[in-house]
Amino acid sequence: MTAFVQHPQGDMGVRGRDEGDGAFVPVNFDWTASSVDQVMAVMNRKVRVRSIIARPTVAGTDAGSVTLTVRKVPSGTAITSGTALHSGTANLKGTVNTNQTLTLSTTETDLNLDAGDCLAVDFGGVLTAAVGTVTVMLNPR
């Protein structure tokens, strides 16, 4: 059962399973034409991925496909060897200023990150002019 909590400043949150504050936590990453595969954040507690939304603000112009995959990567593992958190990829040549809501993995364990795991972005193709942002919403578990 979901337990709501009211914080001292008056806003509301969702209590996590371990009785900690379970508010949703957004993790944002902005990419540019010179971006490379990299870590978005290292988890300091167990969390669950709730949504992933990418939004190109400048479309890539390379002749080939230009994509982004968000991965769960344990410590000591290369980003490209991490687990994709969604099916398909974000299209960095997609319609500018239009959200792309990625379909989360149907494998439950893929979406659970442990303390020490990281969220990472894995680019495919040549970004050329591509610019945008991706937001991953997390919830403590």
N, C-alpha and C. Protein backbone atom coordinates (compact mmCIF):
# COMPACT_ATOMS: atom_id res chain seq x y z
N MET A 1 0.84 -1.17 0.00
CA MET A 1 0.00 0.00 0.00
C MET A 1 0.89 1.23 0.00
N THR A 2 0.53 2.23 -0.77
CA THR A 2 1.29 3.47 -0.86
C THR A 2 1.07 4.29 0.39
N ALA A 3 2.15 4.79 0.97
CA ALA A 3 2.06 5.66 2.14
C ALA A 3 2.55 7.05 1.77
N PHE A 4 1.66 8.02 1.90
CA PHE A 4 2.03 9.40 1.59
C PHE A 4 2.54 10.07 2.85
N VAL A 5 3.49 10.98 2.68
CA VAL A 5 4.03 11.72 3.81
C VAL A 5 3.98 13.21 3.49
N GLN A 6 3.80 14.02 4.52
CA GLN A 6 3.87 15.46 4.34
C GLN A 6 5.17 15.94 4.96
N HIS A 7 5.96 16.66 4.15
CA HIS A 7 7.24 17.16 4.61
C HIS A 7 7.04 18.43 5.44
N PRO A 8 8.04 18.80 6.26
CA PRO A 8 7.93 20.01 7.09
C PRO A 8 7.61 21.27 6.29
N GLN A 9 8.08 21.36 5.05
CA GLN A 9 7.82 22.55 4.24
C GLN A 9 6.44 22.52 3.60
N GLY A 10 5.66 21.46 3.84
CA GLY A 10 4.27 21.41 3.38
C GLY A 10 4.02 20.58 2.14
N ASP A 11 5.07 20.21 1.37
CA ASP A 11 4.84 19.42 0.17
C ASP A 11 4.65 17.96 0.53
N MET A 12 4.20 17.17 -0.44
CA MET A 12 3.89 15.76 -0.21
C MET A 12 4.90 14.86 -0.91
N GLY A 13 5.08 13.65 -0.38
CA GLY A 13 5.95 12.66 -0.99
C GLY A 13 5.36 11.28 -0.80
N VAL A 14 6.03 10.27 -1.34
CA VAL A 14 5.62 8.89 -1.20
C VAL A 14 6.69 8.18 -0.39
N ARG A 15 6.29 7.54 0.71
CA ARG A 15 7.25 6.87 1.59
C ARG A 15 7.77 5.62 0.89
N GLY A 16 9.10 5.45 0.91
CA GLY A 16 9.74 4.28 0.32
C GLY A 16 9.53 3.05 1.18
N ARG A 17 9.86 1.89 0.64
CA ARG A 17 9.66 0.63 1.37
C ARG A 17 10.46 0.57 2.66
N ASP A 18 11.62 1.24 2.67
CA ASP A 18 12.46 1.19 3.87
C ASP A 18 12.12 2.32 4.83
N GLU A 19 10.92 2.89 4.67
CA GLU A 19 10.39 3.95 5.50
C GLU A 19 11.08 5.29 5.27
N GLY A 20 11.98 5.37 4.30
CA GLY A 20 12.60 6.65 3.96
C GLY A 20 11.68 7.45 3.06
N ASP A 21 12.08 8.67 2.78
CA ASP A 21 11.28 9.54 1.92
C ASP A 21 11.32 8.96 0.52
N GLY A 22 10.18 8.62 -0.03
CA GLY A 22 10.11 7.94 -1.32
C GLY A 22 9.72 8.84 -2.46
N ALA A 23 9.97 10.12 -2.35
CA ALA A 23 9.61 11.04 -3.43
C ALA A 23 10.29 10.63 -4.73
N PHE A 24 9.67 10.98 -5.85
CA PHE A 24 10.27 10.70 -7.15
C PHE A 24 11.50 11.57 -7.32
N VAL A 25 12.53 10.99 -7.92
CA VAL A 25 13.80 11.68 -8.10
C VAL A 25 14.11 11.74 -9.60
N PRO A 26 14.14 12.95 -10.19
CA PRO A 26 14.51 13.05 -11.60
C PRO A 26 16.02 13.11 -11.76
N VAL A 27 16.53 12.38 -12.74
CA VAL A 27 17.94 12.47 -13.10
C VAL A 27 17.98 12.93 -14.56
N ASN A 28 18.58 14.09 -14.78
CA ASN A 28 18.62 14.69 -16.12
C ASN A 28 20.02 14.60 -16.71
N PHE A 29 20.07 14.43 -18.01
CA PHE A 29 21.34 14.46 -18.73
C PHE A 29 21.12 15.23 -20.03
N ASP A 30 21.94 16.25 -20.25
CA ASP A 30 21.89 17.02 -21.49
C ASP A 30 23.00 16.53 -22.42
N TRP A 31 22.64 16.26 -23.68
CA TRP A 31 23.67 15.86 -24.64
C TRP A 31 23.89 16.98 -25.64
N THR A 32 25.10 16.99 -26.18
CA THR A 32 25.47 17.92 -27.24
C THR A 32 26.14 17.12 -28.35
N ALA A 33 26.47 17.78 -29.43
CA ALA A 33 27.08 17.10 -30.57
C ALA A 33 28.41 16.43 -30.19
N SER A 34 29.07 16.90 -29.14
CA SER A 34 30.36 16.33 -28.74
C SER A 34 30.25 15.31 -27.60
N SER A 35 29.02 14.97 -27.20
CA SER A 35 28.84 14.02 -26.09
C SER A 35 29.34 12.63 -26.45
N VAL A 36 29.80 11.92 -25.43
CA VAL A 36 30.23 10.52 -25.55
C VAL A 36 29.49 9.72 -24.49
N ASP A 37 29.53 8.39 -24.60
CA ASP A 37 28.92 7.53 -23.60
C ASP A 37 29.44 7.95 -22.23
N GLN A 38 28.52 8.12 -21.26
CA GLN A 38 28.98 8.51 -19.93
C GLN A 38 27.95 8.23 -18.85
N VAL A 39 28.42 8.28 -17.62
CA VAL A 39 27.59 8.05 -16.44
C VAL A 39 26.72 9.28 -16.19
N MET A 40 25.44 9.04 -15.91
CA MET A 40 24.51 10.12 -15.53
C MET A 40 24.54 10.33 -14.02
N ALA A 41 24.54 9.22 -13.27
CA ALA A 41 24.51 9.28 -11.80
C ALA A 41 24.85 7.91 -11.24
N VAL A 42 25.48 7.90 -10.06
CA VAL A 42 25.75 6.67 -9.31
C VAL A 42 24.76 6.63 -8.16
N MET A 43 24.08 5.50 -8.00
CA MET A 43 23.06 5.38 -6.97
C MET A 43 23.68 5.21 -5.59
N ASN A 44 23.11 5.90 -4.59
CA ASN A 44 23.59 5.74 -3.22
C ASN A 44 22.61 4.92 -2.38
N ARG A 45 21.55 4.43 -3.03
CA ARG A 45 20.57 3.56 -2.38
C ARG A 45 19.82 2.80 -3.46
N LYS A 46 19.01 1.84 -3.07
CA LYS A 46 18.20 1.09 -4.03
C LYS A 46 17.10 1.98 -4.59
N VAL A 47 16.94 1.95 -5.92
CA VAL A 47 15.90 2.73 -6.58
C VAL A 47 15.27 1.90 -7.70
N ARG A 48 14.14 2.37 -8.18
CA ARG A 48 13.45 1.74 -9.31
C ARG A 48 13.20 2.80 -10.36
N VAL A 49 13.43 2.44 -11.62
CA VAL A 49 13.17 3.34 -12.74
C VAL A 49 11.68 3.35 -13.01
N ARG A 50 11.09 4.56 -13.09
CA ARG A 50 9.66 4.71 -13.31
C ARG A 50 9.32 5.24 -14.70
N SER A 51 10.22 6.02 -15.30
CA SER A 51 9.98 6.51 -16.65
C SER A 51 11.27 7.06 -17.23
N ILE A 52 11.33 7.09 -18.56
CA ILE A 52 12.46 7.68 -19.28
C ILE A 52 11.87 8.48 -20.44
N ILE A 53 12.21 9.77 -20.48
CA ILE A 53 11.72 10.64 -21.55
C ILE A 53 12.90 11.40 -22.15
N ALA A 54 13.06 11.30 -23.46
CA ALA A 54 14.10 12.04 -24.18
C ALA A 54 13.44 13.14 -24.99
N ARG A 55 14.17 14.24 -25.18
CA ARG A 55 13.63 15.36 -25.96
C ARG A 55 14.76 16.03 -26.74
N PRO A 56 14.83 15.77 -28.05
CA PRO A 56 15.82 16.46 -28.87
C PRO A 56 15.43 17.94 -29.01
N THR A 57 16.41 18.83 -28.86
CA THR A 57 16.16 20.25 -29.08
C THR A 57 16.81 20.73 -30.38
N VAL A 58 17.81 19.99 -30.84
CA VAL A 58 18.40 20.17 -32.17
C VAL A 58 18.59 18.76 -32.73
N ALA A 59 18.01 18.49 -33.86
CA ALA A 59 18.08 17.15 -34.45
C ALA A 59 19.47 16.87 -35.01
N GLY A 60 19.92 15.63 -34.84
CA GLY A 60 21.17 15.20 -35.47
C GLY A 60 21.02 15.22 -36.98
N THR A 61 22.13 15.43 -37.68
CA THR A 61 22.07 15.55 -39.14
C THR A 61 22.89 14.50 -39.87
N ASP A 62 23.50 13.57 -39.14
CA ASP A 62 24.30 12.53 -39.78
C ASP A 62 23.41 11.68 -40.69
N ALA A 63 23.99 11.13 -41.74
CA ALA A 63 23.23 10.32 -42.69
C ALA A 63 22.68 9.04 -42.05
N GLY A 64 23.41 8.49 -41.09
CA GLY A 64 22.98 7.26 -40.42
C GLY A 64 22.10 7.55 -39.21
N SER A 65 21.65 6.49 -38.56
CA SER A 65 20.82 6.66 -37.37
C SER A 65 21.65 7.24 -36.23
N VAL A 66 21.00 8.03 -35.39
CA VAL A 66 21.64 8.64 -34.22
C VAL A 66 20.71 8.35 -33.04
N THR A 67 21.18 7.56 -32.08
CA THR A 67 20.31 7.06 -31.03
C THR A 67 20.92 7.21 -29.65
N LEU A 68 20.07 7.00 -28.65
CA LEU A 68 20.49 7.03 -27.25
C LEU A 68 19.81 5.87 -26.54
N THR A 69 20.59 5.15 -25.73
CA THR A 69 20.08 4.09 -24.87
C THR A 69 20.48 4.42 -23.45
N VAL A 70 19.55 4.30 -22.51
CA VAL A 70 19.86 4.48 -21.09
C VAL A 70 20.09 3.10 -20.50
N ARG A 71 21.21 2.95 -19.81
CA ARG A 71 21.59 1.63 -19.29
C ARG A 71 21.80 1.65 -17.77
N LYS A 72 21.55 0.50 -17.16
CA LYS A 72 21.91 0.23 -15.77
C LYS A 72 23.27 -0.45 -15.83
N VAL A 73 24.25 0.11 -15.11
CA VAL A 73 25.61 -0.42 -15.20
C VAL A 73 26.18 -0.64 -13.80
N PRO A 74 26.47 -1.90 -13.43
CA PRO A 74 27.11 -2.16 -12.14
C PRO A 74 28.55 -1.64 -12.12
N SER A 75 29.06 -1.41 -10.94
CA SER A 75 30.44 -0.97 -10.79
C SER A 75 31.38 -1.99 -11.44
N GLY A 76 32.40 -1.50 -12.15
CA GLY A 76 33.37 -2.37 -12.79
C GLY A 76 32.96 -2.87 -14.16
N THR A 77 31.83 -2.39 -14.68
CA THR A 77 31.30 -2.82 -15.97
C THR A 77 31.34 -1.67 -16.97
N ALA A 78 31.69 -1.96 -18.21
CA ALA A 78 31.69 -0.94 -19.27
C ALA A 78 30.25 -0.51 -19.56
N ILE A 79 30.06 0.75 -19.89
CA ILE A 79 28.72 1.27 -20.19
C ILE A 79 28.03 0.44 -21.26
N THR A 80 28.75 0.10 -22.32
CA THR A 80 28.14 -0.65 -23.42
C THR A 80 27.73 -2.07 -23.02
N SER A 81 28.25 -2.56 -21.90
CA SER A 81 27.89 -3.89 -21.42
C SER A 81 26.77 -3.86 -20.39
N GLY A 82 26.29 -2.66 -20.05
CA GLY A 82 25.20 -2.54 -19.09
C GLY A 82 23.88 -3.01 -19.69
N THR A 83 22.85 -3.04 -18.88
CA THR A 83 21.52 -3.50 -19.27
C THR A 83 20.66 -2.33 -19.73
N ALA A 84 20.12 -2.43 -20.94
CA ALA A 84 19.21 -1.39 -21.43
C ALA A 84 17.96 -1.38 -20.55
N LEU A 85 17.51 -0.18 -20.17
CA LEU A 85 16.35 -0.05 -19.30
C LEU A 85 15.05 0.06 -20.07
N HIS A 86 15.13 0.02 -21.39
CA HIS A 86 13.95 0.20 -22.24
C HIS A 86 14.12 -0.57 -23.53
N SER A 87 13.02 -0.78 -24.22
CA SER A 87 13.10 -1.38 -25.56
C SER A 87 13.33 -0.26 -26.56
N GLY A 88 13.87 -0.58 -27.69
CA GLY A 88 14.13 0.44 -28.71
C GLY A 88 15.17 1.44 -28.23
N THR A 89 15.22 2.60 -28.90
CA THR A 89 16.16 3.66 -28.55
C THR A 89 15.48 5.00 -28.74
N ALA A 90 16.07 6.04 -28.16
CA ALA A 90 15.61 7.40 -28.44
C ALA A 90 16.22 7.81 -29.78
N ASN A 91 15.41 8.44 -30.61
CA ASN A 91 15.85 8.89 -31.93
C ASN A 91 16.32 10.34 -31.83
N LEU A 92 17.64 10.55 -31.88
CA LEU A 92 18.19 11.89 -31.72
C LEU A 92 18.06 12.72 -32.99
N LYS A 93 17.50 12.12 -34.02
CA LYS A 93 17.15 12.86 -35.24
C LYS A 93 15.64 13.07 -35.31
N GLY A 94 14.97 12.81 -34.20
CA GLY A 94 13.52 12.92 -34.15
C GLY A 94 13.04 14.36 -34.18
N THR A 95 11.73 14.52 -34.13
CA THR A 95 11.12 15.85 -34.19
C THR A 95 11.59 16.69 -33.02
N VAL A 96 12.11 17.88 -33.34
CA VAL A 96 12.65 18.79 -32.33
C VAL A 96 11.55 19.22 -31.36
N ASN A 97 11.93 19.32 -30.08
CA ASN A 97 11.05 19.78 -29.00
C ASN A 97 9.83 18.90 -28.79
N THR A 98 9.96 17.63 -29.16
CA THR A 98 8.88 16.66 -28.97
C THR A 98 9.39 15.54 -28.07
N ASN A 99 8.65 15.27 -26.98
CA ASN A 99 9.05 14.23 -26.05
C ASN A 99 8.97 12.85 -26.69
N GLN A 100 9.94 12.02 -26.36
CA GLN A 100 9.94 10.60 -26.75
C GLN A 100 9.91 9.80 -25.45
N THR A 101 8.76 9.25 -25.11
CA THR A 101 8.64 8.43 -23.91
C THR A 101 9.05 7.02 -24.28
N LEU A 102 10.13 6.56 -23.67
CA LEU A 102 10.65 5.23 -24.00
C LEU A 102 9.89 4.16 -23.23
N THR A 103 9.66 3.02 -23.87
CA THR A 103 8.95 1.91 -23.26
C THR A 103 9.91 1.15 -22.35
N LEU A 104 9.58 1.13 -21.05
CA LEU A 104 10.46 0.48 -20.08
C LEU A 104 10.54 -1.02 -20.32
N SER A 105 11.66 -1.60 -19.93
CA SER A 105 11.86 -3.04 -20.03
C SER A 105 10.74 -3.76 -19.30
N THR A 106 10.31 -4.89 -19.84
CA THR A 106 9.29 -5.69 -19.19
C THR A 106 9.90 -6.68 -18.20
N THR A 107 11.23 -6.71 -18.12
CA THR A 107 11.92 -7.56 -17.14
C THR A 107 12.06 -6.76 -15.86
N GLU A 108 11.31 -7.13 -14.85
CA GLU A 108 11.24 -6.37 -13.60
C GLU A 108 12.61 -6.06 -13.01
N THR A 109 13.50 -7.03 -12.99
CA THR A 109 14.82 -6.82 -12.36
C THR A 109 15.67 -5.81 -13.12
N ASP A 110 15.41 -5.61 -14.40
CA ASP A 110 16.16 -4.62 -15.17
C ASP A 110 15.97 -3.22 -14.60
N LEU A 111 14.80 -2.95 -14.06
CA LEU A 111 14.44 -1.60 -13.63
C LEU A 111 14.85 -1.29 -12.19
N ASN A 112 15.37 -2.29 -11.48
CA ASN A 112 15.81 -2.10 -10.10
C ASN A 112 17.32 -1.86 -10.08
N LEU A 113 17.72 -0.72 -9.54
CA LEU A 113 19.14 -0.40 -9.38
C LEU A 113 19.50 -0.50 -7.91
N ASP A 114 20.66 -1.07 -7.63
CA ASP A 114 21.16 -1.18 -6.27
C ASP A 114 22.15 -0.06 -6.00
N ALA A 115 22.43 0.18 -4.74
CA ALA A 115 23.46 1.15 -4.38
C ALA A 115 24.76 0.74 -5.08
N GLY A 116 25.42 1.69 -5.72
CA GLY A 116 26.65 1.41 -6.46
C GLY A 116 26.44 1.24 -7.95
N ASP A 117 25.22 0.89 -8.38
CA ASP A 117 24.92 0.85 -9.81
C ASP A 117 24.86 2.28 -10.33
N CYS A 118 25.05 2.44 -11.64
CA CYS A 118 24.90 3.78 -12.20
C CYS A 118 23.90 3.74 -13.35
N LEU A 119 23.35 4.91 -13.63
CA LEU A 119 22.60 5.16 -14.85
C LEU A 119 23.61 5.72 -15.83
N ALA A 120 23.56 5.26 -17.08
CA ALA A 120 24.51 5.76 -18.07
C ALA A 120 23.80 5.93 -19.41
N VAL A 121 24.35 6.82 -20.23
CA VAL A 121 23.85 7.01 -21.59
C VAL A 121 24.84 6.39 -22.57
N ASP A 122 24.28 5.68 -23.53
CA ASP A 122 25.06 4.99 -24.56
C ASP A 122 24.55 5.50 -25.91
N PHE A 123 25.41 6.24 -26.60
CA PHE A 123 25.02 6.83 -27.89
C PHE A 123 25.34 5.89 -29.03
N GLY A 124 24.48 5.90 -30.05
CA GLY A 124 24.71 5.14 -31.27
C GLY A 124 24.78 6.10 -32.44
N GLY A 125 25.71 5.88 -33.35
CA GLY A 125 25.86 6.76 -34.51
C GLY A 125 26.70 7.97 -34.19
N VAL A 126 26.72 8.91 -35.13
CA VAL A 126 27.50 10.14 -34.99
C VAL A 126 26.54 11.27 -34.65
N LEU A 127 26.74 11.94 -33.52
CA LEU A 127 25.78 12.93 -33.05
C LEU A 127 25.72 14.19 -33.92
N THR A 128 26.78 14.53 -34.63
CA THR A 128 26.87 15.76 -35.43
C THR A 128 26.24 16.93 -34.68
N ALA A 129 25.09 17.42 -35.09
CA ALA A 129 24.48 18.62 -34.49
C ALA A 129 23.53 18.30 -33.33
N ALA A 130 23.35 17.03 -32.98
CA ALA A 130 22.33 16.64 -32.00
C ALA A 130 22.52 17.30 -30.64
N VAL A 131 21.42 17.85 -30.11
CA VAL A 131 21.39 18.45 -28.78
C VAL A 131 20.04 18.08 -28.17
N GLY A 132 20.02 17.83 -26.86
CA GLY A 132 18.76 17.54 -26.19
C GLY A 132 18.98 17.12 -24.76
N THR A 133 17.92 16.56 -24.18
CA THR A 133 17.99 16.12 -22.80
C THR A 133 17.21 14.82 -22.63
N VAL A 134 17.62 14.04 -21.64
CA VAL A 134 16.87 12.85 -21.26
C VAL A 134 16.67 12.91 -19.75
N THR A 135 15.46 12.55 -19.31
CA THR A 135 15.13 12.53 -17.89
C THR A 135 14.71 11.13 -17.51
N VAL A 136 15.33 10.62 -16.45
CA VAL A 136 14.97 9.32 -15.89
C VAL A 136 14.35 9.59 -14.53
N MET A 137 13.11 9.13 -14.33
CA MET A 137 12.45 9.30 -13.03
C MET A 137 12.67 8.04 -12.21
N LEU A 138 13.15 8.23 -10.98
CA LEU A 138 13.45 7.13 -10.07
C LEU A 138 12.56 7.25 -8.83
N ASN A 139 12.39 6.12 -8.15
CA ASN A 139 11.66 6.08 -6.89
C ASN A 139 12.44 5.18 -5.95
N PRO A 140 12.73 5.61 -4.72
CA PRO A 140 13.41 4.72 -3.78
C PRO A 140 12.61 3.44 -3.56
N ARG A 141 13.32 2.35 -3.32
CA ARG A 141 12.64 1.08 -3.06
C ARG A 141 13.23 0.43 -1.84
